[in-house]
């Protein structure tokens, strides 16, 4: 890898704030000190979102853009994103979102970039666009060619790394998906991801499914029949993994390098309480270094120069550090 890694920055939903925060991230000197961004999307989409923010965007014949006073490469993707209605869900915007992300992942697979950062998507728009989509992890798995049930979302902040064993499904479905095999697979994915982040033998904390991790069967037997056997199997595989504890007590107590959360809210509530701008979403389980942000496309503030780029700039910096490791 290069001393200053090249990171593809996919624009996300062209109807949302993704292009705006991408542009604002490019104005951050520290981003440029750590990596070489490559925009993936459409110049007209960027100009459309730059104008309300007073950011000058100039296209050049060599395929690059000047954003503010920075010259940045653009990987063009002709997806019709400049024609979509702003701040509205549309199938056209969903298809453009997918086209930008797919091209960025393809660049990583071809070795043209070291990592991918994707701006926020709108799941409803992508599904209306014709793709069964429940977030970037499953989509990344499909493009890379890894089974979806082997790719997990890890939320990363300064305080926590939390792996979602299940993610964007109804809670009733999440409970059905929780099996010994799935939890063991997530634990191994967490171990490999932490090794890539420089933690050779991570200590893995495990959130129980039920309150108090079932209180020895008092609040249901799911933890006794599913989670504890999964922990035992992972330990037999050589992982440093703890017995399940109620999520509230476990996360409040800390002390682990990474945590397994059994369903969406166990992971996302603590991360978002710490501040969206300070965290990133990193799918794990594929060879592609990929990350996004834990917030949506914020239709309520599109075109108002109100979008805060902190989450995307911090994600770029975090992934640049991993790429250089």
C-alpha atoms as a PDB file:
ATOM      1  CA  UNK A   1       0.000   0.000   0.000  1.00  0.00           C
ATOM      2  CA  UNK A   2       1.058   3.604  -0.503  1.00  0.00           C
ATOM      3  CA  UNK A   3       2.267   5.757   2.377  1.00  0.00           C
ATOM      4  CA  UNK A   4      -0.798   7.927   1.790  1.00  0.00           C
ATOM      5  CA  UNK A   5      -3.585   5.479   0.887  1.00  0.00           C
ATOM      6  CA  UNK A   6      -6.038   6.177  -1.876  1.00  0.00           C
ATOM      7  CA  UNK A   7      -9.627   6.021  -0.684  1.00  0.00           C
ATOM      8  CA  UNK A   8     -12.661   5.940  -2.964  1.00  0.00           C
ATOM      9  CA  UNK A   9     -15.424   8.230  -1.696  1.00  0.00           C
ATOM     10  CA  UNK A  10     -18.818   7.175  -3.119  1.00  0.00           C
ATOM     11  CA  UNK A  11     -21.398   9.971  -3.066  1.00  0.00           C
ATOM     12  CA  UNK A  12     -24.322   8.070  -1.535  1.00  0.00           C
ATOM     13  CA  UNK A  13     -27.911   9.106  -2.250  1.00  0.00           C
ATOM     14  CA  UNK A  14     -27.780  12.077  -4.665  1.00  0.00           C
ATOM     15  CA  UNK A  15     -31.069  13.340  -3.225  1.00  0.00           C
ATOM     16  CA  UNK A  16     -29.626  13.511   0.293  1.00  0.00           C
ATOM     17  CA  UNK A  17     -26.706  15.128   2.074  1.00  0.00           C
ATOM     18  CA  UNK A  18     -24.073  12.645   0.884  1.00  0.00           C
ATOM     19  CA  UNK A  19     -22.615  14.823  -1.891  1.00  0.00           C
ATOM     20  CA  UNK A  20     -22.572  17.856   0.425  1.00  0.00           C
ATOM     21  CA  UNK A  21     -20.640  16.133   3.197  1.00  0.00           C
ATOM     22  CA  UNK A  22     -18.278  14.598   0.625  1.00  0.00           C
ATOM     23  CA  UNK A  23     -17.462  18.079  -0.654  1.00  0.00           C
ATOM     24  CA  UNK A  24     -17.007  19.458   2.843  1.00  0.00           C
ATOM     25  CA  UNK A  25     -14.723  16.566   3.770  1.00  0.00           C
ATOM     26  CA  UNK A  26     -12.472  17.505   0.861  1.00  0.00           C
ATOM     27  CA  UNK A  27     -11.956  20.927   2.452  1.00  0.00           C
ATOM     28  CA  UNK A  28     -10.383  19.310   5.537  1.00  0.00           C
ATOM     29  CA  UNK A  29      -6.584  19.607   5.391  1.00  0.00           C
ATOM     30  CA  UNK A  30      -6.106  16.674   7.755  1.00  0.00           C
ATOM     31  CA  UNK A  31      -8.002  14.366   5.405  1.00  0.00           C
ATOM     32  CA  UNK A  32      -5.523  15.205   2.646  1.00  0.00           C
ATOM     33  CA  UNK A  33      -2.583  14.754   5.004  1.00  0.00           C
ATOM     34  CA  UNK A  34      -3.706  11.175   5.700  1.00  0.00           C
ATOM     35  CA  UNK A  35      -5.100   9.961   2.382  1.00  0.00           C
ATOM     36  CA  UNK A  36      -5.709  10.696  -1.282  1.00  0.00           C
ATOM     37  CA  UNK A  37      -9.481  10.814  -1.871  1.00  0.00           C
ATOM     38  CA  UNK A  38     -11.000   9.686  -5.166  1.00  0.00           C
ATOM     39  CA  UNK A  39     -14.577  10.828  -5.719  1.00  0.00           C
ATOM     40  CA  UNK A  40     -16.895   8.242  -7.267  1.00  0.00           C
ATOM     41  CA  UNK A  41     -20.039   9.674  -8.808  1.00  0.00           C
ATOM     42  CA  UNK A  42     -21.131  12.518 -11.045  1.00  0.00           C
ATOM     43  CA  UNK A  43     -19.701  16.006 -11.395  1.00  0.00           C
ATOM     44  CA  UNK A  44     -23.150  17.524 -11.946  1.00  0.00           C
ATOM     45  CA  UNK A  45     -24.387  16.013  -8.675  1.00  0.00           C
ATOM     46  CA  UNK A  46     -21.477  17.616  -6.868  1.00  0.00           C
ATOM     47  CA  UNK A  47     -22.073  21.025  -8.494  1.00  0.00           C
ATOM     48  CA  UNK A  48     -25.746  20.861  -7.574  1.00  0.00           C
ATOM     49  CA  UNK A  49     -24.937  20.366  -3.898  1.00  0.00           C
ATOM     50  CA  UNK A  50     -21.937  22.707  -3.885  1.00  0.00           C
ATOM     51  CA  UNK A  51     -23.846  25.800  -4.958  1.00  0.00           C
ATOM     52  CA  UNK A  52     -25.954  26.288  -1.779  1.00  0.00           C
ATOM     53  CA  UNK A  53     -22.788  25.835   0.299  1.00  0.00           C
ATOM     54  CA  UNK A  54     -20.761  28.392  -1.624  1.00  0.00           C
ATOM     55  CA  UNK A  55     -18.213  25.749  -2.618  1.00  0.00           C
ATOM     56  CA  UNK A  56     -16.647  26.220  -6.046  1.00  0.00           C
ATOM     57  CA  UNK A  57     -16.455  23.057  -8.162  1.00  0.00           C
ATOM     58  CA  UNK A  58     -14.642  23.200 -11.494  1.00  0.00           C
ATOM     59  CA  UNK A  59     -14.294  20.281 -13.914  1.00  0.00           C
ATOM     60  CA  UNK A  60     -11.104  19.809 -15.947  1.00  0.00           C
ATOM     61  CA  UNK A  61     -10.429  17.996 -19.205  1.00  0.00           C
ATOM     62  CA  UNK A  62      -8.221  15.421 -17.482  1.00  0.00           C
ATOM     63  CA  UNK A  63     -11.180  14.098 -15.463  1.00  0.00           C
ATOM     64  CA  UNK A  64     -10.272  15.867 -12.243  1.00  0.00           C
ATOM     65  CA  UNK A  65     -12.222  18.465 -10.305  1.00  0.00           C
ATOM     66  CA  UNK A  66     -11.155  21.466  -8.289  1.00  0.00           C
ATOM     67  CA  UNK A  67     -13.139  21.601  -5.059  1.00  0.00           C
ATOM     68  CA  UNK A  68     -12.370  24.826  -3.255  1.00  0.00           C
ATOM     69  CA  UNK A  69      -8.598  24.978  -3.696  1.00  0.00           C
ATOM     70  CA  UNK A  70      -8.088  21.196  -3.907  1.00  0.00           C
ATOM     71  CA  UNK A  71      -7.615  19.197  -7.104  1.00  0.00           C
ATOM     72  CA  UNK A  72      -9.297  15.814  -6.732  1.00  0.00           C
ATOM     73  CA  UNK A  73      -9.696  12.861  -9.084  1.00  0.00           C
ATOM     74  CA  UNK A  74     -13.192  11.812 -10.130  1.00  0.00           C
ATOM     75  CA  UNK A  75     -14.203   8.311 -11.197  1.00  0.00           C
ATOM     76  CA  UNK A  76     -17.264   9.164 -13.324  1.00  0.00           C
ATOM     77  CA  UNK A  77     -20.400   7.071 -12.990  1.00  0.00           C
ATOM     78  CA  UNK A  78     -23.209   8.070 -15.338  1.00  0.00           C
ATOM     79  CA  UNK A  79     -26.228   7.200 -13.202  1.00  0.00           C
ATOM     80  CA  UNK A  80     -28.589  10.133 -13.786  1.00  0.00           C
ATOM     81  CA  UNK A  81     -28.148  11.388 -10.242  1.00  0.00           C
ATOM     82  CA  UNK A  82     -28.250  15.060 -11.193  1.00  0.00           C
ATOM     83  CA  UNK A  83     -31.849  14.740 -12.381  1.00  0.00           C
ATOM     84  CA  UNK A  84     -33.363  13.178  -9.255  1.00  0.00           C
ATOM     85  CA  UNK A  85     -35.664  15.297  -7.085  1.00  0.00           C
ATOM     86  CA  UNK A  86     -33.812  16.517  -4.021  1.00  0.00           C
ATOM     87  CA  UNK A  87     -34.927  15.563  -0.515  1.00  0.00           C
ATOM     88  CA  UNK A  88     -37.298  12.874  -1.798  1.00  0.00           C
ATOM     89  CA  UNK A  89     -37.258   9.108  -1.976  1.00  0.00           C
ATOM     90  CA  UNK A  90     -37.074   7.965  -5.586  1.00  0.00           C
ATOM     91  CA  UNK A  91     -36.070   4.755  -7.365  1.00  0.00           C
ATOM     92  CA  UNK A  92     -33.753   6.784  -9.593  1.00  0.00           C
ATOM     93  CA  UNK A  93     -31.818   8.047  -6.574  1.00  0.00           C
ATOM     94  CA  UNK A  94     -31.657   4.503  -5.205  1.00  0.00           C
ATOM     95  CA  UNK A  95     -30.196   3.174  -8.430  1.00  0.00           C
ATOM     96  CA  UNK A  96     -27.627   5.982  -8.528  1.00  0.00           C
ATOM     97  CA  UNK A  97     -26.591   5.244  -4.938  1.00  0.00           C
ATOM     98  CA  UNK A  98     -25.959   1.620  -5.823  1.00  0.00           C
ATOM     99  CA  UNK A  99     -24.066   2.516  -8.995  1.00  0.00           C
ATOM    100  CA  UNK A 100     -21.643   4.775  -7.104  1.00  0.00           C
ATOM    101  CA  UNK A 101     -21.018   2.222  -4.359  1.00  0.00           C
ATOM    102  CA  UNK A 102     -20.634  -0.686  -6.777  1.00  0.00           C
ATOM    103  CA  UNK A 103     -18.029   1.171  -8.824  1.00  0.00           C
ATOM    104  CA  UNK A 104     -16.084   2.128  -5.695  1.00  0.00           C
ATOM    105  CA  UNK A 105     -15.992  -1.501  -4.545  1.00  0.00           C
ATOM    106  CA  UNK A 106     -14.894  -2.610  -8.007  1.00  0.00           C
ATOM    107  CA  UNK A 107     -12.002  -0.149  -7.829  1.00  0.00           C
ATOM    108  CA  UNK A 108     -10.929  -1.721  -4.534  1.00  0.00           C
ATOM    109  CA  UNK A 109     -11.164  -5.242  -5.957  1.00  0.00           C
ATOM    110  CA  UNK A 110      -9.023  -4.128  -8.917  1.00  0.00           C
ATOM    111  CA  UNK A 111      -6.391  -2.682  -6.573  1.00  0.00           C
ATOM    112  CA  UNK A 112      -6.899   0.886  -7.761  1.00  0.00           C
ATOM    113  CA  UNK A 113      -7.834   2.094  -4.281  1.00  0.00           C
ATOM    114  CA  UNK A 114      -6.882   0.875  -0.831  1.00  0.00           C
ATOM    115  CA  UNK A 115     -10.297   1.370   0.763  1.00  0.00           C
ATOM    116  CA  UNK A 116     -13.833   2.613   0.182  1.00  0.00           C
ATOM    117  CA  UNK A 117     -15.894   5.135   2.132  1.00  0.00           C
ATOM    118  CA  UNK A 118     -19.558   5.472   1.173  1.00  0.00           C
ATOM    119  CA  UNK A 119     -21.755   8.448   1.960  1.00  0.00           C
ATOM    120  CA  UNK A 120     -25.225   7.757   3.408  1.00  0.00           C
ATOM    121  CA  UNK A 121     -27.857   5.854   1.476  1.00  0.00           C
ATOM    122  CA  UNK A 122     -31.635   5.653   1.728  1.00  0.00           C
ATOM    123  CA  UNK A 123     -32.740   2.029   2.026  1.00  0.00           C
ATOM    124  CA  UNK A 124     -36.274   2.707   0.820  1.00  0.00           C
ATOM    125  CA  UNK A 125     -34.994   4.419  -2.328  1.00  0.00           C
ATOM    126  CA  UNK A 126     -32.613   1.561  -3.145  1.00  0.00           C
ATOM    127  CA  UNK A 127     -35.327  -1.044  -2.675  1.00  0.00           C
ATOM    128  CA  UNK A 128     -37.708   0.970  -4.855  1.00  0.00           C
ATOM    129  CA  UNK A 129     -34.927   1.025  -7.415  1.00  0.00           C
ATOM    130  CA  UNK A 130     -35.184  -2.744  -7.722  1.00  0.00           C
ATOM    131  CA  UNK A 131     -32.461  -4.071  -5.422  1.00  0.00           C
ATOM    132  CA  UNK A 132     -33.188  -6.084  -2.279  1.00  0.00           C
ATOM    133  CA  UNK A 133     -31.111  -3.940   0.061  1.00  0.00           C
ATOM    134  CA  UNK A 134     -30.820  -3.808   3.848  1.00  0.00           C
ATOM    135  CA  UNK A 135     -27.661  -1.726   4.097  1.00  0.00           C
ATOM    136  CA  UNK A 136     -24.133  -1.611   2.755  1.00  0.00           C
ATOM    137  CA  UNK A 137     -22.870  -4.841   4.444  1.00  0.00           C
ATOM    138  CA  UNK A 138     -25.159  -7.151   2.443  1.00  0.00           C
ATOM    139  CA  UNK A 139     -24.550  -5.196  -0.741  1.00  0.00           C
ATOM    140  CA  UNK A 140     -20.785  -5.357  -0.227  1.00  0.00           C
ATOM    141  CA  UNK A 141     -21.051  -9.106   0.304  1.00  0.00           C
ATOM    142  CA  UNK A 142     -22.926  -9.520  -2.986  1.00  0.00           C
ATOM    143  CA  UNK A 143     -20.450  -7.461  -5.014  1.00  0.00           C
ATOM    144  CA  UNK A 144     -17.409  -9.161  -3.488  1.00  0.00           C
ATOM    145  CA  UNK A 145     -18.951 -12.625  -3.737  1.00  0.00           C
ATOM    146  CA  UNK A 146     -19.084 -13.526  -0.041  1.00  0.00           C
ATOM    147  CA  UNK A 147     -22.262 -15.049   1.485  1.00  0.00           C
ATOM    148  CA  UNK A 148     -24.326 -12.355   3.192  1.00  0.00           C
ATOM    149  CA  UNK A 149     -24.480 -14.291   6.458  1.00  0.00           C
ATOM    150  CA  UNK A 150     -20.694 -14.058   6.794  1.00  0.00           C
ATOM    151  CA  UNK A 151     -20.532 -10.253   6.594  1.00  0.00           C
ATOM    152  CA  UNK A 152     -21.330  -8.156   9.655  1.00  0.00           C
ATOM    153  CA  UNK A 153     -21.482  -4.458  10.476  1.00  0.00           C
ATOM    154  CA  UNK A 154     -19.005  -3.252  13.074  1.00  0.00           C
ATOM    155  CA  UNK A 155     -19.684   0.173  14.547  1.00  0.00           C
ATOM    156  CA  UNK A 156     -16.491   1.955  15.561  1.00  0.00           C
ATOM    157  CA  UNK A 157     -16.013   4.935  17.864  1.00  0.00           C
ATOM    158  CA  UNK A 158     -13.248   6.087  20.175  1.00  0.00           C
ATOM    159  CA  UNK A 159     -14.828   4.106  23.025  1.00  0.00           C
ATOM    160  CA  UNK A 160     -16.474   1.100  21.378  1.00  0.00           C
ATOM    161  CA  UNK A 161     -16.165  -1.412  18.586  1.00  0.00           C
ATOM    162  CA  UNK A 162     -19.506  -3.240  18.387  1.00  0.00           C
ATOM    163  CA  UNK A 163     -20.334  -5.988  15.899  1.00  0.00           C
ATOM    164  CA  UNK A 164     -24.000  -6.475  14.967  1.00  0.00           C
ATOM    165  CA  UNK A 165     -24.724 -10.210  14.867  1.00  0.00           C
ATOM    166  CA  UNK A 166     -28.053  -9.285  13.219  1.00  0.00           C
ATOM    167  CA  UNK A 167     -28.803  -5.926  11.678  1.00  0.00           C
ATOM    168  CA  UNK A 168     -31.672  -4.462   9.649  1.00  0.00           C
ATOM    169  CA  UNK A 169     -34.435  -6.954  10.282  1.00  0.00           C
ATOM    170  CA  UNK A 170     -37.524  -6.958  12.465  1.00  0.00           C
ATOM    171  CA  UNK A 171     -36.760  -7.884  16.050  1.00  0.00           C
ATOM    172  CA  UNK A 172     -38.843 -11.081  15.781  1.00  0.00           C
ATOM    173  CA  UNK A 173     -36.784 -12.083  12.742  1.00  0.00           C
ATOM    174  CA  UNK A 174     -33.530 -11.182  14.502  1.00  0.00           C
ATOM    175  CA  UNK A 175     -34.357 -13.630  17.281  1.00  0.00           C
ATOM    176  CA  UNK A 176     -34.990 -16.350  14.702  1.00  0.00           C
ATOM    177  CA  UNK A 177     -31.650 -15.599  13.015  1.00  0.00           C
ATOM    178  CA  UNK A 178     -29.625 -15.926  16.211  1.00  0.00           C
ATOM    179  CA  UNK A 179     -28.009 -19.345  16.107  1.00  0.00           C
ATOM    180  CA  UNK A 180     -24.867 -20.830  17.577  1.00  0.00           C
ATOM    181  CA  UNK A 181     -23.283 -20.905  14.113  1.00  0.00           C
ATOM    182  CA  UNK A 182     -24.085 -17.251  13.361  1.00  0.00           C
ATOM    183  CA  UNK A 183     -22.664 -16.015  16.662  1.00  0.00           C
ATOM    184  CA  UNK A 184     -19.490 -18.071  16.223  1.00  0.00           C
ATOM    185  CA  UNK A 185     -19.096 -16.733  12.675  1.00  0.00           C
ATOM    186  CA  UNK A 186     -19.505 -13.161  13.946  1.00  0.00           C
ATOM    187  CA  UNK A 187     -16.923 -13.769  16.664  1.00  0.00           C
ATOM    188  CA  UNK A 188     -14.380 -15.001  14.121  1.00  0.00           C
ATOM    189  CA  UNK A 189     -15.112 -12.035  11.847  1.00  0.00           C
ATOM    190  CA  UNK A 190     -14.556  -9.715  14.824  1.00  0.00           C
ATOM    191  CA  UNK A 191     -11.261 -11.417  15.643  1.00  0.00           C
ATOM    192  CA  UNK A 192      -9.996 -11.058  12.069  1.00  0.00           C
ATOM    193  CA  UNK A 193     -11.121  -7.432  11.844  1.00  0.00           C
ATOM    194  CA  UNK A 194      -9.390  -6.508  15.094  1.00  0.00           C
ATOM    195  CA  UNK A 195      -6.217  -8.244  13.936  1.00  0.00           C
ATOM    196  CA  UNK A 196      -6.361  -6.025  10.851  1.00  0.00           C
ATOM    197  CA  UNK A 197      -6.705  -3.039  13.181  1.00  0.00           C
ATOM    198  CA  UNK A 198      -3.586  -4.070  15.077  1.00  0.00           C
ATOM    199  CA  UNK A 199      -5.118  -6.014  17.999  1.00  0.00           C
ATOM    200  CA  UNK A 200      -3.675  -9.499  17.544  1.00  0.00           C
ATOM    201  CA  UNK A 201      -5.719 -11.245  20.262  1.00  0.00           C
ATOM    202  CA  UNK A 202      -8.768  -9.136  21.045  1.00  0.00           C
ATOM    203  CA  UNK A 203     -10.870  -9.616  24.157  1.00  0.00           C
ATOM    204  CA  UNK A 204     -14.453 -10.156  22.952  1.00  0.00           C
ATOM    205  CA  UNK A 205     -17.400  -9.187  25.142  1.00  0.00           C
ATOM    206  CA  UNK A 206     -20.802 -10.712  24.396  1.00  0.00           C
ATOM    207  CA  UNK A 207     -24.202  -9.086  24.938  1.00  0.00           C
ATOM    208  CA  UNK A 208     -26.898 -11.456  26.117  1.00  0.00           C
ATOM    209  CA  UNK A 209     -30.118 -11.728  24.147  1.00  0.00           C
ATOM    210  CA  UNK A 210     -32.468 -11.290  27.094  1.00  0.00           C
ATOM    211  CA  UNK A 211     -32.291  -8.905  30.083  1.00  0.00           C
ATOM    212  CA  UNK A 212     -29.451  -9.899  32.425  1.00  0.00           C
ATOM    213  CA  UNK A 213     -28.462 -12.489  29.793  1.00  0.00           C
ATOM    214  CA  UNK A 214     -31.552 -14.457  30.839  1.00  0.00           C
ATOM    215  CA  UNK A 215     -30.717 -14.555  34.563  1.00  0.00           C
ATOM    216  CA  UNK A 216     -29.983 -18.316  34.316  1.00  0.00           C
ATOM    217  CA  UNK A 217     -33.296 -19.035  32.613  1.00  0.00           C
ATOM    218  CA  UNK A 218     -35.471 -16.710  34.683  1.00  0.00           C
ATOM    219  CA  UNK A 219     -36.007 -14.399  31.680  1.00  0.00           C
ATOM    220  CA  UNK A 220     -35.948 -16.994  28.920  1.00  0.00           C
ATOM    221  CA  UNK A 221     -33.567 -19.756  27.929  1.00  0.00           C
ATOM    222  CA  UNK A 222     -32.152 -18.232  24.698  1.00  0.00           C
ATOM    223  CA  UNK A 223     -28.852 -17.290  26.308  1.00  0.00           C
ATOM    224  CA  UNK A 224     -28.441 -20.758  27.811  1.00  0.00           C
ATOM    225  CA  UNK A 225     -29.305 -22.646  24.627  1.00  0.00           C
ATOM    226  CA  UNK A 226     -27.757 -20.342  21.995  1.00  0.00           C
ATOM    227  CA  UNK A 227     -25.265 -17.807  23.287  1.00  0.00           C
ATOM    228  CA  UNK A 228     -23.366 -19.840  25.887  1.00  0.00           C
ATOM    229  CA  UNK A 229     -22.846 -22.798  23.522  1.00  0.00           C
ATOM    230  CA  UNK A 230     -21.594 -20.320  20.886  1.00  0.00           C
ATOM    231  CA  UNK A 231     -19.110 -18.867  23.387  1.00  0.00           C
ATOM    232  CA  UNK A 232     -17.930 -22.371  24.282  1.00  0.00           C
ATOM    233  CA  UNK A 233     -17.364 -23.233  20.623  1.00  0.00           C
ATOM    234  CA  UNK A 234     -15.525 -19.964  19.940  1.00  0.00           C
ATOM    235  CA  UNK A 235     -13.296 -20.596  22.955  1.00  0.00           C
ATOM    236  CA  UNK A 236     -12.541 -24.053  21.630  1.00  0.00           C
ATOM    237  CA  UNK A 237     -11.446 -22.350  18.406  1.00  0.00           C
ATOM    238  CA  UNK A 238      -8.950 -20.298  20.420  1.00  0.00           C
ATOM    239  CA  UNK A 239     -10.799 -16.979  20.737  1.00  0.00           C
ATOM    240  CA  UNK A 240     -10.600 -14.869  23.905  1.00  0.00           C
ATOM    241  CA  UNK A 241     -14.333 -14.466  24.408  1.00  0.00           C
ATOM    242  CA  UNK A 242     -16.331 -13.868  27.588  1.00  0.00           C
ATOM    243  CA  UNK A 243     -19.607 -15.341  28.821  1.00  0.00           C
ATOM    244  CA  UNK A 244     -22.705 -13.308  27.879  1.00  0.00           C
ATOM    245  CA  UNK A 245     -23.705 -10.403  30.106  1.00  0.00           C
ATOM    246  CA  UNK A 246     -26.741  -8.125  29.922  1.00  0.00           C
ATOM    247  CA  UNK A 247     -25.977  -5.491  27.283  1.00  0.00           C
ATOM    248  CA  UNK A 248     -26.546  -2.546  29.613  1.00  0.00           C
ATOM    249  CA  UNK A 249     -24.107  -3.778  32.268  1.00  0.00           C
ATOM    250  CA  UNK A 250     -21.577  -5.043  29.743  1.00  0.00           C
ATOM    251  CA  UNK A 251     -21.288  -1.831  27.745  1.00  0.00           C
ATOM    252  CA  UNK A 252     -21.342   0.364  30.842  1.00  0.00           C
ATOM    253  CA  UNK A 253     -18.531  -1.655  32.376  1.00  0.00           C
ATOM    254  CA  UNK A 254     -16.264  -1.702  29.335  1.00  0.00           C
ATOM    255  CA  UNK A 255     -12.950  -3.506  29.327  1.00  0.00           C
ATOM    256  CA  UNK A 256     -13.194  -5.357  25.999  1.00  0.00           C
ATOM    257  CA  UNK A 257     -11.622  -4.673  22.612  1.00  0.00           C
ATOM    258  CA  UNK A 258     -14.805  -5.532  20.749  1.00  0.00           C
ATOM    259  CA  UNK A 259     -18.383  -6.493  21.628  1.00  0.00           C
ATOM    260  CA  UNK A 260     -20.951  -8.726  19.949  1.00  0.00           C
ATOM    261  CA  UNK A 261     -24.448  -7.197  19.928  1.00  0.00           C
ATOM    262  CA  UNK A 262     -27.298  -9.579  19.228  1.00  0.00           C
ATOM    263  CA  UNK A 263     -29.578  -7.089  17.472  1.00  0.00           C
ATOM    264  CA  UNK A 264     -29.569  -3.596  15.996  1.00  0.00           C
ATOM    265  CA  UNK A 265     -30.441  -1.402  18.976  1.00  0.00           C
ATOM    266  CA  UNK A 266     -27.961  -3.031  21.351  1.00  0.00           C
ATOM    267  CA  UNK A 267     -25.204  -1.657  19.112  1.00  0.00           C
ATOM    268  CA  UNK A 268     -26.639   1.521  17.688  1.00  0.00           C
ATOM    269  CA  UNK A 269     -28.040   3.147  20.823  1.00  0.00           C
ATOM    270  CA  UNK A 270     -24.706   3.407  22.686  1.00  0.00           C
ATOM    271  CA  UNK A 271     -22.857   4.467  19.530  1.00  0.00           C
ATOM    272  CA  UNK A 272     -25.343   7.204  18.718  1.00  0.00           C
ATOM    273  CA  UNK A 273     -25.482   8.435  22.296  1.00  0.00           C
ATOM    274  CA  UNK A 274     -21.739   9.068  22.009  1.00  0.00           C
ATOM    275  CA  UNK A 275     -22.335  11.193  18.917  1.00  0.00           C
ATOM    276  CA  UNK A 276     -22.883  10.309  15.280  1.00  0.00           C
ATOM    277  CA  UNK A 277     -19.984  12.462  14.147  1.00  0.00           C
ATOM    278  CA  UNK A 278     -17.528  10.433  16.199  1.00  0.00           C
ATOM    279  CA  UNK A 279     -18.366   6.998  14.794  1.00  0.00           C
ATOM    280  CA  UNK A 280     -18.213   4.914  11.627  1.00  0.00           C
ATOM    281  CA  UNK A 281     -19.859   1.793  10.264  1.00  0.00           C
ATOM    282  CA  UNK A 282     -17.393  -0.817   8.983  1.00  0.00           C
ATOM    283  CA  UNK A 283     -18.632  -4.022   7.315  1.00  0.00           C
ATOM    284  CA  UNK A 284     -16.320  -6.897   8.230  1.00  0.00           C
ATOM    285  CA  UNK A 285     -15.895 -10.329   6.705  1.00  0.00           C
ATOM    286  CA  UNK A 286     -14.699  -9.396   3.201  1.00  0.00           C
ATOM    287  CA  UNK A 287     -11.251  -8.527   1.828  1.00  0.00           C
ATOM    288  CA  UNK A 288     -12.380  -4.963   0.984  1.00  0.00           C
ATOM    289  CA  UNK A 289     -11.767  -2.238   3.541  1.00  0.00           C
ATOM    290  CA  UNK A 290     -15.133  -0.464   3.481  1.00  0.00           C
ATOM    291  CA  UNK A 291     -16.717   2.027   5.822  1.00  0.00           C
ATOM    292  CA  UNK A 292     -19.667   4.372   6.000  1.00  0.00           C
ATOM    293  CA  UNK A 293     -21.396   6.631   8.504  1.00  0.00           C
ATOM    294  CA  UNK A 294     -24.047   5.761  11.090  1.00  0.00           C
ATOM    295  CA  UNK A 295     -26.539   8.379   9.920  1.00  0.00           C
ATOM    296  CA  UNK A 296     -28.947   8.688   7.043  1.00  0.00           C
ATOM    297  CA  UNK A 297     -29.437  10.984   4.078  1.00  0.00           C
ATOM    298  CA  UNK A 298     -31.134  13.747   6.148  1.00  0.00           C
ATOM    299  CA  UNK A 299     -33.662  14.979   3.598  1.00  0.00           C
ATOM    300  CA  UNK A 300     -34.812  17.705   6.002  1.00  0.00           C
ATOM    301  CA  UNK A 301     -31.595  19.695   5.601  1.00  0.00           C
ATOM    302  CA  UNK A 302     -30.665  19.028   1.965  1.00  0.00           C
ATOM    303  CA  UNK A 303     -29.572  22.165   0.126  1.00  0.00           C
ATOM    304  CA  UNK A 304     -29.423  24.296   3.280  1.00  0.00           C
ATOM    305  CA  UNK A 305     -25.669  24.160   3.974  1.00  0.00           C
ATOM    306  CA  UNK A 306     -26.451  22.592   7.356  1.00  0.00           C
ATOM    307  CA  UNK A 307     -25.004  19.097   6.922  1.00  0.00           C
ATOM    308  CA  UNK A 308     -22.183  18.337   9.356  1.00  0.00           C
ATOM    309  CA  UNK A 309     -19.313  16.450   7.666  1.00  0.00           C
ATOM    310  CA  UNK A 310     -17.671  15.240  10.892  1.00  0.00           C
ATOM    311  CA  UNK A 311     -18.819  11.624  10.508  1.00  0.00           C
ATOM    312  CA  UNK A 312     -17.464  11.306   6.980  1.00  0.00           C
ATOM    313  CA  UNK A 313     -14.197  13.122   7.720  1.00  0.00           C
ATOM    314  CA  UNK A 314     -13.609  10.982  10.817  1.00  0.00           C
ATOM    315  CA  UNK A 315     -14.420   7.862   8.807  1.00  0.00           C
ATOM    316  CA  UNK A 316     -11.899   8.823   6.124  1.00  0.00           C
ATOM    317  CA  UNK A 317      -9.236   9.449   8.765  1.00  0.00           C
ATOM    318  CA  UNK A 318     -10.027   6.208  10.591  1.00  0.00           C
ATOM    319  CA  UNK A 319      -9.888   4.135   7.416  1.00  0.00           C
ATOM    320  CA  UNK A 320      -6.694   5.859   6.277  1.00  0.00           C
ATOM    321  CA  UNK A 321      -5.038   4.785   9.506  1.00  0.00           C
ATOM    322  CA  UNK A 322      -6.165   1.171   8.997  1.00  0.00           C
ATOM    323  CA  UNK A 323      -5.022   1.203   5.352  1.00  0.00           C
ATOM    324  CA  UNK A 324      -1.534   2.272   6.404  1.00  0.00           C
ATOM    325  CA  UNK A 325      -1.257  -0.381   9.141  1.00  0.00           C
END
